[in-house]
Amino acid sequence: MTAIDLQTIRRELHQIPELGFREEKTQKYLLAKIQEMATDCVEVRTWRTGILVHVSGTDPTKRIGFRSDIDGLPILEDTGFDFASTHRGQMHACGHDFHMTIALAALNRLIEQPVKDDVLFIFQPAEEGPGGAKPMIASEEFLAWKPDTIFALHIAPELPVGQVSSKPGLLFANTSELFLDFKGLGGHAAYPHLAKDMTVAASNFVVQAQQIVSRRLNPLDGSVVTIGKMESGFVQNAIAETARLEGTIRTTEASSIILVKEELEKLIKGFEIAYDCQINVDYGANYYQVVNEEKYVELFKTSLENTDITYVQASAAMTGEDFGDMLKEIPGFMFWLGVNSPYGLHHAKLTPDEAALSVGAEAVETYIRSIG
């Protein structure tokens, strides 16, 4: 595939972002592209809206897995591209259009010139939510072709094109969504003593929740409890009967996220008594930490020595990725790919440089050939 081919594929995928487990158009598009390049050494299976592509090696002793996520985000695009999303309110604002294009390019090259070992390309749905990695690796389809080692990439807007970055150990944090629904008793603003005000309850809960990290957790363990959205009430002269908080929990230790939830539930019980209300909690999607195995990071770094790609050491981040669930079961690593965008991930104006597509494809192919 030429650079023009990659640009075309990326732009076509960019126009059809779809949310988790609804990636029907994306799956159809990918299957058509895979069919165009398939030979006798290729087998394809689908799982829900995901795809598994197995490329048989010439003399296999192991199986190497490469994972690309395929879903978009519920974001209204504001890039001004003439190839902007045709699905209003949905956007590839996390670079999954790049990830898929790079996977297709590497797949094409490995079909044309197979390596000794088997290679499995994994097009995984629902990374942004509710989480596709965990159920996918438990499926019969995946288990039939379970890799011995696995890796993945993610675009990095802040890094220049031509640069990749990774590190042994923790790369991404443990994450959990957080949804809290408060139910009290509404009433007239002039008679607060006859009501149970959920605006006040939820407001105080936000403040108290911050003390979980500052006073209940080891300060050497990185943890964050962020409430990013609060809703309550309908009119200025009525006391709110309900309130809703939406947020996220992020920790660098797997045990810490359990402790945060335990402390939140203690807080909930206390607030239910203090404010005479009911509070329901939902932790939504939970992603296990991304922990890179040193052996594979070093192999990746070494594989790039005779290329023009520059490797730099990464720092751990509090971002979340359900690829952690795959690394929990299969040894491997994840790396960042520089795309030089002035806007960051999940931004409506994310504009990654398409020159990074060829760099990503080369990095993936080179690593597979070095170990396969």
Protein backbone atom coordinates (compact mmCIF):
# COMPACT_ATOMS: atom_id res chain seq x y z
CA MET A 1 0.00 0.00 0.00
CA THR A 2 1.26 3.46 -0.90
CA ALA A 3 1.02 6.55 1.28
CA ILE A 4 -1.90 7.67 -0.91
CA ASP A 5 -3.66 4.34 -0.29
CA LEU A 6 -3.25 4.78 3.46
CA GLN A 7 -4.53 8.35 3.32
CA THR A 8 -7.59 7.23 1.35
CA ILE A 9 -8.41 4.41 3.75
CA ARG A 10 -7.95 6.64 6.77
CA ARG A 11 -10.24 9.31 5.33
CA GLU A 12 -12.92 6.82 4.38
CA LEU A 13 -12.87 5.35 7.89
CA HIS A 14 -12.84 8.84 9.41
CA GLN A 15 -16.20 9.54 7.79
CA ILE A 16 -18.00 6.59 9.39
CA PRO A 17 -17.24 6.63 13.15
CA GLU A 18 -19.56 4.41 15.19
CA LEU A 19 -19.98 3.86 18.91
CA GLY A 20 -19.08 0.68 20.78
CA PHE A 21 -20.69 -2.55 19.51
CA ARG A 22 -22.50 -0.57 16.80
CA GLU A 23 -19.60 -0.58 14.31
CA GLU A 24 -21.57 -2.27 11.50
CA LYS A 25 -20.41 0.01 8.67
CA THR A 26 -16.85 -0.12 9.99
CA GLN A 27 -16.88 -3.91 10.11
CA LYS A 28 -18.30 -4.11 6.58
CA TYR A 29 -15.64 -1.71 5.30
CA LEU A 30 -12.79 -3.59 6.97
CA LEU A 31 -14.02 -6.98 5.76
CA ALA A 32 -14.12 -5.68 2.18
CA LYS A 33 -10.55 -4.41 2.42
CA ILE A 34 -9.36 -7.65 3.99
CA GLN A 35 -11.08 -9.67 1.26
CA GLU A 36 -9.26 -7.67 -1.42
CA MET A 37 -5.87 -8.71 -0.06
CA ALA A 38 -6.67 -12.21 1.22
CA THR A 39 -4.78 -15.28 0.01
CA ASP A 40 -4.78 -18.96 1.00
CA CYS A 41 -2.75 -18.16 4.11
CA VAL A 42 -5.50 -15.89 5.51
CA GLU A 43 -8.51 -16.89 7.61
CA VAL A 44 -11.13 -14.45 8.86
CA ARG A 45 -13.61 -14.73 11.71
CA THR A 46 -15.99 -12.17 13.14
CA TRP A 47 -17.01 -11.64 16.75
CA ARG A 48 -19.93 -9.28 17.24
CA THR A 49 -18.76 -6.14 15.37
CA GLY A 50 -15.09 -7.12 15.66
CA ILE A 51 -12.86 -9.08 13.29
CA LEU A 52 -10.03 -11.59 13.72
CA VAL A 53 -7.63 -12.09 10.80
CA HIS A 54 -5.21 -15.01 11.01
CA VAL A 55 -2.16 -15.04 8.75
CA SER A 56 -0.42 -18.43 8.71
CA GLY A 57 3.34 -18.40 9.05
CA THR A 58 5.76 -20.37 6.90
CA ASP A 59 7.03 -22.52 9.80
CA PRO A 60 5.21 -21.37 12.95
CA THR A 61 6.31 -21.99 16.52
CA LYS A 62 4.21 -19.22 18.08
CA ARG A 63 1.45 -16.72 17.31
CA ILE A 64 1.93 -12.93 17.44
CA GLY A 65 -1.11 -10.71 18.01
CA PHE A 66 -1.62 -7.09 16.99
CA ARG A 67 -4.73 -5.28 18.20
CA SER A 68 -6.46 -2.26 16.68
CA ASP A 69 -9.55 -0.68 18.24
CA ILE A 70 -12.28 0.38 15.81
CA ASP A 71 -14.94 2.50 17.57
CA GLY A 72 -15.51 6.25 17.65
CA LEU A 73 -16.63 8.74 20.28
CA PRO A 74 -19.89 10.68 20.87
CA ILE A 75 -18.26 13.99 19.92
CA LEU A 76 -19.46 16.58 17.39
CA GLU A 77 -16.53 17.01 14.98
CA ASP A 78 -15.14 20.52 14.45
CA THR A 79 -12.09 19.89 12.25
CA GLY A 80 -13.36 21.52 9.08
CA PHE A 81 -12.12 18.52 7.06
CA ASP A 82 -13.80 17.89 3.71
CA PHE A 83 -13.76 14.25 4.86
CA ALA A 84 -15.31 14.97 8.27
CA SER A 85 -17.64 12.52 9.98
CA THR A 86 -20.91 11.87 8.16
CA HIS A 87 -22.38 10.59 11.43
CA ARG A 88 -23.36 13.77 13.23
CA GLY A 89 -22.37 13.71 16.89
CA GLN A 90 -19.86 10.89 16.38
CA MET A 91 -16.15 11.28 15.63
CA HIS A 92 -12.88 9.41 15.46
CA ALA A 93 -11.45 11.75 18.08
CA CYS A 94 -9.10 9.17 19.59
CA GLY A 95 -7.30 8.09 16.43
CA HIS A 96 -8.93 4.72 15.90
CA ASP A 97 -9.20 5.53 12.18
CA PHE A 98 -5.38 5.74 12.25
CA HIS A 99 -5.09 2.50 14.22
CA MET A 100 -7.27 0.57 11.74
CA THR A 101 -5.46 1.97 8.70
CA ILE A 102 -2.08 1.02 10.14
CA ALA A 103 -3.34 -2.48 10.94
CA LEU A 104 -4.60 -2.93 7.37
CA ALA A 105 -1.26 -1.74 5.97
CA ALA A 106 0.76 -4.10 8.16
CA LEU A 107 -1.65 -6.94 7.35
CA ASN A 108 -1.21 -6.32 3.62
CA ARG A 109 2.58 -6.43 3.88
CA LEU A 110 2.56 -9.63 5.95
CA ILE A 111 0.19 -11.34 3.53
CA GLU A 112 2.51 -10.43 0.64
CA GLN A 113 5.59 -11.58 2.56
CA PRO A 114 4.62 -13.86 5.47
CA VAL A 115 6.92 -14.35 8.43
CA LYS A 116 7.81 -17.69 9.99
CA ASP A 117 5.28 -17.42 12.80
CA ASP A 118 1.50 -17.03 12.70
CA VAL A 119 0.15 -13.51 13.11
CA LEU A 120 -3.29 -12.55 14.38
CA PHE A 121 -4.74 -9.11 13.59
CA ILE A 122 -7.45 -8.15 16.06
CA PHE A 123 -9.94 -5.45 15.12
CA GLN A 124 -11.59 -4.87 18.48
CA PRO A 125 -14.87 -3.02 19.05
CA ALA A 126 -15.99 -0.86 21.98
CA GLU A 127 -12.67 0.33 23.43
CA GLU A 128 -14.21 3.68 24.35
CA GLY A 129 -17.02 1.87 26.14
CA PRO A 130 -18.45 -0.32 27.39
CA GLY A 131 -15.19 -2.24 26.86
CA GLY A 132 -14.70 -4.82 24.14
CA ALA A 133 -11.34 -6.35 25.06
CA LYS A 134 -12.44 -8.44 28.03
CA PRO A 135 -15.41 -10.19 26.39
CA MET A 136 -13.53 -10.57 23.11
CA ILE A 137 -10.59 -12.47 24.62
CA ALA A 138 -13.07 -14.77 26.40
CA SER A 139 -14.84 -15.64 23.13
CA GLU A 140 -14.50 -18.99 21.38
CA GLU A 141 -13.33 -17.21 18.25
CA PHE A 142 -10.43 -15.53 20.03
CA LEU A 143 -9.47 -18.54 22.14
CA ALA A 144 -9.15 -20.68 19.00
CA TRP A 145 -6.38 -18.33 17.83
CA LYS A 146 -5.10 -16.99 21.15
CA PRO A 147 -1.71 -15.31 20.61
CA ASP A 148 1.40 -16.13 22.63
CA THR A 149 2.31 -12.44 22.71
CA ILE A 150 0.37 -9.31 21.81
CA PHE A 151 0.96 -5.61 21.18
CA ALA A 152 -0.91 -2.45 20.20
CA LEU A 153 -0.33 1.22 19.53
CA HIS A 154 -2.06 4.50 20.29
CA ILE A 155 -1.60 7.83 18.57
CA ALA A 156 0.13 10.55 20.63
CA PRO A 157 -0.84 14.08 19.52
CA GLU A 158 2.01 15.68 21.48
CA LEU A 159 4.79 13.62 19.86
CA PRO A 160 6.29 14.50 16.44
CA VAL A 161 5.82 12.32 13.39
CA GLY A 162 8.64 9.77 13.18
CA GLN A 163 8.77 9.22 16.93
CA VAL A 164 7.37 6.36 19.01
CA SER A 165 7.39 6.00 22.77
CA SER A 166 6.88 3.29 25.36
CA LYS A 167 8.23 2.04 28.68
CA PRO A 168 8.45 -1.16 30.72
CA GLY A 169 5.89 -1.49 33.51
CA LEU A 170 2.87 0.73 34.01
CA LEU A 171 1.90 2.78 30.94
CA PHE A 172 -1.83 3.45 31.55
CA ALA A 173 -3.82 3.51 34.80
CA ASN A 174 -6.67 1.44 36.18
CA THR A 175 -9.90 3.26 35.40
CA SER A 176 -13.55 3.08 36.36
CA GLU A 177 -16.52 5.17 35.35
CA LEU A 178 -18.61 6.57 38.20
CA PHE A 179 -22.34 7.38 38.10
CA LEU A 180 -24.28 8.44 41.21
CA ASP A 181 -28.04 9.05 41.31
CA PHE A 182 -29.50 10.91 44.33
CA LYS A 183 -33.22 10.71 45.23
CA GLY A 184 -34.73 12.99 47.89
CA LEU A 185 -37.92 15.01 48.02
CA GLY A 186 -38.67 18.09 45.95
CA GLY A 187 -40.58 21.15 47.07
CA HIS A 188 -41.02 24.91 46.94
CA ALA A 189 -37.85 26.97 47.39
CA ALA A 190 -39.57 28.91 50.19
CA TYR A 191 -40.07 25.75 52.29
CA PRO A 192 -36.73 23.92 52.39
CA HIS A 193 -37.62 22.31 55.73
CA LEU A 194 -40.35 20.31 53.99
CA ALA A 195 -38.03 18.98 51.28
CA LYS A 196 -34.90 16.90 50.92
CA ASP A 197 -32.56 18.96 48.75
CA MET A 198 -30.45 16.82 46.41
CA THR A 199 -28.53 19.79 45.01
CA VAL A 200 -27.07 20.36 48.47
CA ALA A 201 -26.47 16.64 49.02
CA ALA A 202 -24.73 16.11 45.69
CA SER A 203 -22.66 19.30 46.06
CA ASN A 204 -21.34 18.20 49.43
CA PHE A 205 -20.70 14.70 48.12
CA VAL A 206 -18.41 16.11 45.42
CA VAL A 207 -16.35 17.89 48.08
CA GLN A 208 -16.21 14.93 50.47
CA ALA A 209 -15.23 12.49 47.71
CA GLN A 210 -12.02 14.44 47.13
CA GLN A 211 -10.87 13.55 50.64
CA ILE A 212 -10.80 9.86 49.77
CA VAL A 213 -7.63 10.37 47.75
CA SER A 214 -6.05 12.93 50.09
CA ARG A 215 -6.79 11.13 53.37
CA ARG A 216 -7.59 7.45 52.76
CA LEU A 217 -5.00 6.38 50.18
CA ASN A 218 -1.24 6.08 50.35
CA PRO A 219 0.06 9.41 48.95
CA LEU A 220 2.75 7.49 47.02
CA ASP A 221 0.03 5.71 45.00
CA GLY A 222 -1.29 7.88 42.18
CA SER A 223 -5.08 8.20 42.37
CA VAL A 224 -7.74 10.54 41.01
CA VAL A 225 -11.46 10.88 41.72
CA THR A 226 -12.94 13.41 39.31
CA ILE A 227 -16.59 14.43 39.07
CA GLY A 228 -16.91 15.92 35.62
CA LYS A 229 -20.67 16.39 35.36
CA MET A 230 -23.43 17.34 37.80
CA GLU A 231 -27.16 17.67 37.10
CA SER A 232 -29.93 18.69 39.50
CA GLY A 233 -33.18 20.61 39.48
CA PHE A 234 -35.31 22.12 36.74
CA VAL A 235 -36.23 25.63 37.86
CA GLN A 236 -34.75 28.33 40.12
CA ASN A 237 -37.55 28.41 42.70
CA ALA A 238 -37.94 24.69 43.33
CA ILE A 239 -35.85 22.37 45.46
CA ALA A 240 -34.31 19.54 43.46
CA GLU A 241 -35.70 16.11 44.22
CA THR A 242 -32.99 14.34 42.23
CA ALA A 243 -29.37 14.86 41.28
CA ARG A 244 -26.85 12.96 39.19
CA LEU A 245 -23.08 12.96 39.36
CA GLU A 246 -20.86 11.50 36.63
CA GLY A 247 -17.15 11.03 36.99
CA THR A 248 -14.15 8.75 36.85
CA ILE A 249 -11.77 6.93 39.19
CA ARG A 250 -8.16 6.40 38.12
CA THR A 251 -5.34 4.71 40.04
CA THR A 252 -1.82 3.48 39.35
CA GLU A 253 -2.29 0.48 41.67
CA ALA A 254 -4.92 -2.19 41.01
CA SER A 255 -5.62 -2.48 44.75
CA SER A 256 -6.23 1.26 45.10
CA ILE A 257 -9.26 1.31 42.84
CA ILE A 258 -10.90 -1.32 45.06
CA LEU A 259 -10.19 0.81 48.13
CA VAL A 260 -11.59 3.95 46.47
CA LYS A 261 -14.85 2.14 45.73
CA GLU A 262 -15.07 0.84 49.29
CA GLU A 263 -14.60 4.37 50.64
CA LEU A 264 -17.17 5.78 48.22
CA GLU A 265 -19.72 3.25 49.41
CA LYS A 266 -19.06 4.17 53.04
CA LEU A 267 -19.60 7.80 52.08
CA ILE A 268 -22.84 6.90 50.31
CA LYS A 269 -24.21 5.18 53.42
CA GLY A 270 -23.37 8.21 55.54
CA PHE A 271 -24.96 10.63 53.08
CA GLU A 272 -28.13 8.56 52.88
CA ILE A 273 -28.51 8.97 56.64
CA ALA A 274 -27.41 12.60 56.83
CA TYR A 275 -29.59 13.80 53.94
CA ASP A 276 -32.42 11.27 54.32
CA CYS A 277 -32.12 10.19 50.70
CA GLN A 278 -31.35 7.24 48.47
CA ILE A 279 -28.15 7.06 46.42
CA ASN A 280 -27.52 4.49 43.70
CA VAL A 281 -24.00 3.96 42.35
CA ASP A 282 -22.94 2.45 39.01
CA TYR A 283 -19.26 1.95 38.14
CA GLY A 284 -19.89 1.57 34.41
CA ALA A 285 -16.90 0.42 32.35
CA ASN A 286 -13.79 -0.67 34.27
CA TYR A 287 -10.40 -1.02 32.57
CA TYR A 288 -7.40 -2.82 34.01
CA GLN A 289 -4.02 -1.09 33.99
CA VAL A 290 -1.79 -1.36 30.92
CA VAL A 291 1.45 -2.95 32.11
CA ASN A 292 4.16 -3.52 29.51
CA GLU A 293 6.50 -6.48 29.85
CA GLU A 294 10.10 -5.27 29.73
CA LYS A 295 11.26 -8.07 27.44
CA TYR A 296 8.90 -7.03 24.64
CA VAL A 297 9.52 -3.29 25.03
CA GLU A 298 13.25 -3.94 24.62
CA LEU A 299 12.63 -6.15 21.58
CA PHE A 300 10.51 -3.40 20.05
CA LYS A 301 13.15 -0.77 20.76
CA THR A 302 15.88 -2.95 19.24
CA SER A 303 13.78 -3.70 16.15
CA LEU A 304 13.72 0.00 15.23
CA GLU A 305 17.47 0.55 15.36
CA ASN A 306 17.95 0.22 11.60
CA THR A 307 14.97 2.42 10.71
CA ASP A 308 14.42 6.18 10.67
CA ILE A 309 11.95 5.86 13.52
CA THR A 310 13.07 7.41 16.82
CA TYR A 311 12.26 5.67 20.10
CA VAL A 312 11.89 7.74 23.30
CA GLN A 313 11.09 6.66 26.83
CA ALA A 314 7.50 7.33 27.87
CA SER A 315 6.09 8.30 31.24
CA ALA A 316 3.14 6.55 32.87
CA ALA A 317 -0.20 8.27 32.30
CA MET A 318 -3.57 8.30 34.09
CA THR A 319 -5.35 7.57 30.83
CA GLY A 320 -7.25 4.30 30.53
CA GLU A 321 -7.26 1.59 27.85
CA ASP A 322 -9.07 -1.74 27.80
CA PHE A 323 -6.00 -3.26 26.12
CA GLY A 324 -4.90 -3.73 29.72
CA ASP A 325 -7.34 -6.65 29.92
CA MET A 326 -5.51 -8.32 27.04
CA LEU A 327 -2.08 -7.72 28.59
CA LYS A 328 -3.36 -9.16 31.85
CA GLU A 329 -3.80 -12.50 30.05
CA ILE A 330 -1.15 -12.31 27.31
CA PRO A 331 2.40 -10.88 27.63
CA GLY A 332 3.24 -7.92 25.45
CA PHE A 333 3.22 -4.13 25.33
CA MET A 334 1.66 -0.96 23.95
CA PHE A 335 3.41 2.03 22.41
CA TRP A 336 2.62 5.63 21.52
CA LEU A 337 2.86 6.81 17.90
CA GLY A 338 3.65 10.48 17.32
CA VAL A 339 1.09 12.27 15.11
CA ASN A 340 1.89 15.94 15.85
CA SER A 341 -1.64 17.31 16.40
CA PRO A 342 -2.17 20.75 17.97
CA TYR A 343 -5.30 19.35 19.60
CA GLY A 344 -5.34 16.39 21.96
CA LEU A 345 -7.20 13.11 22.24
CA HIS A 346 -11.00 13.34 22.56
CA HIS A 347 -10.92 16.89 21.18
CA ALA A 348 -13.39 17.92 18.46
CA LYS A 349 -10.49 19.43 16.48
CA LEU A 350 -8.03 16.51 16.72
CA THR A 351 -5.99 16.68 13.49
CA PRO A 352 -3.28 13.99 13.41
CA ASP A 353 -0.68 14.23 10.64
CA GLU A 354 -1.32 11.53 8.04
CA ALA A 355 2.42 11.16 7.47
CA ALA A 356 2.39 9.12 10.67
CA LEU A 357 0.37 6.36 8.96
CA SER A 358 3.41 5.05 7.10
CA VAL A 359 5.54 5.37 10.23
CA GLY A 360 3.06 3.33 12.25
CA ALA A 361 2.78 0.65 9.60
CA GLU A 362 6.56 0.38 9.37
CA ALA A 363 6.93 0.12 13.16
CA VAL A 364 4.32 -2.64 13.39
CA GLU A 365 5.67 -4.62 10.46
CA THR A 366 9.31 -4.23 11.53
CA TYR A 367 8.61 -5.46 15.05
CA ILE A 368 6.62 -8.47 13.86
CA ARG A 369 9.37 -9.45 11.42
CA SER A 370 12.01 -9.05 14.12
CA ILE A 371 10.36 -11.56 16.46
CA GLY A 372 8.47 -13.70 13.93
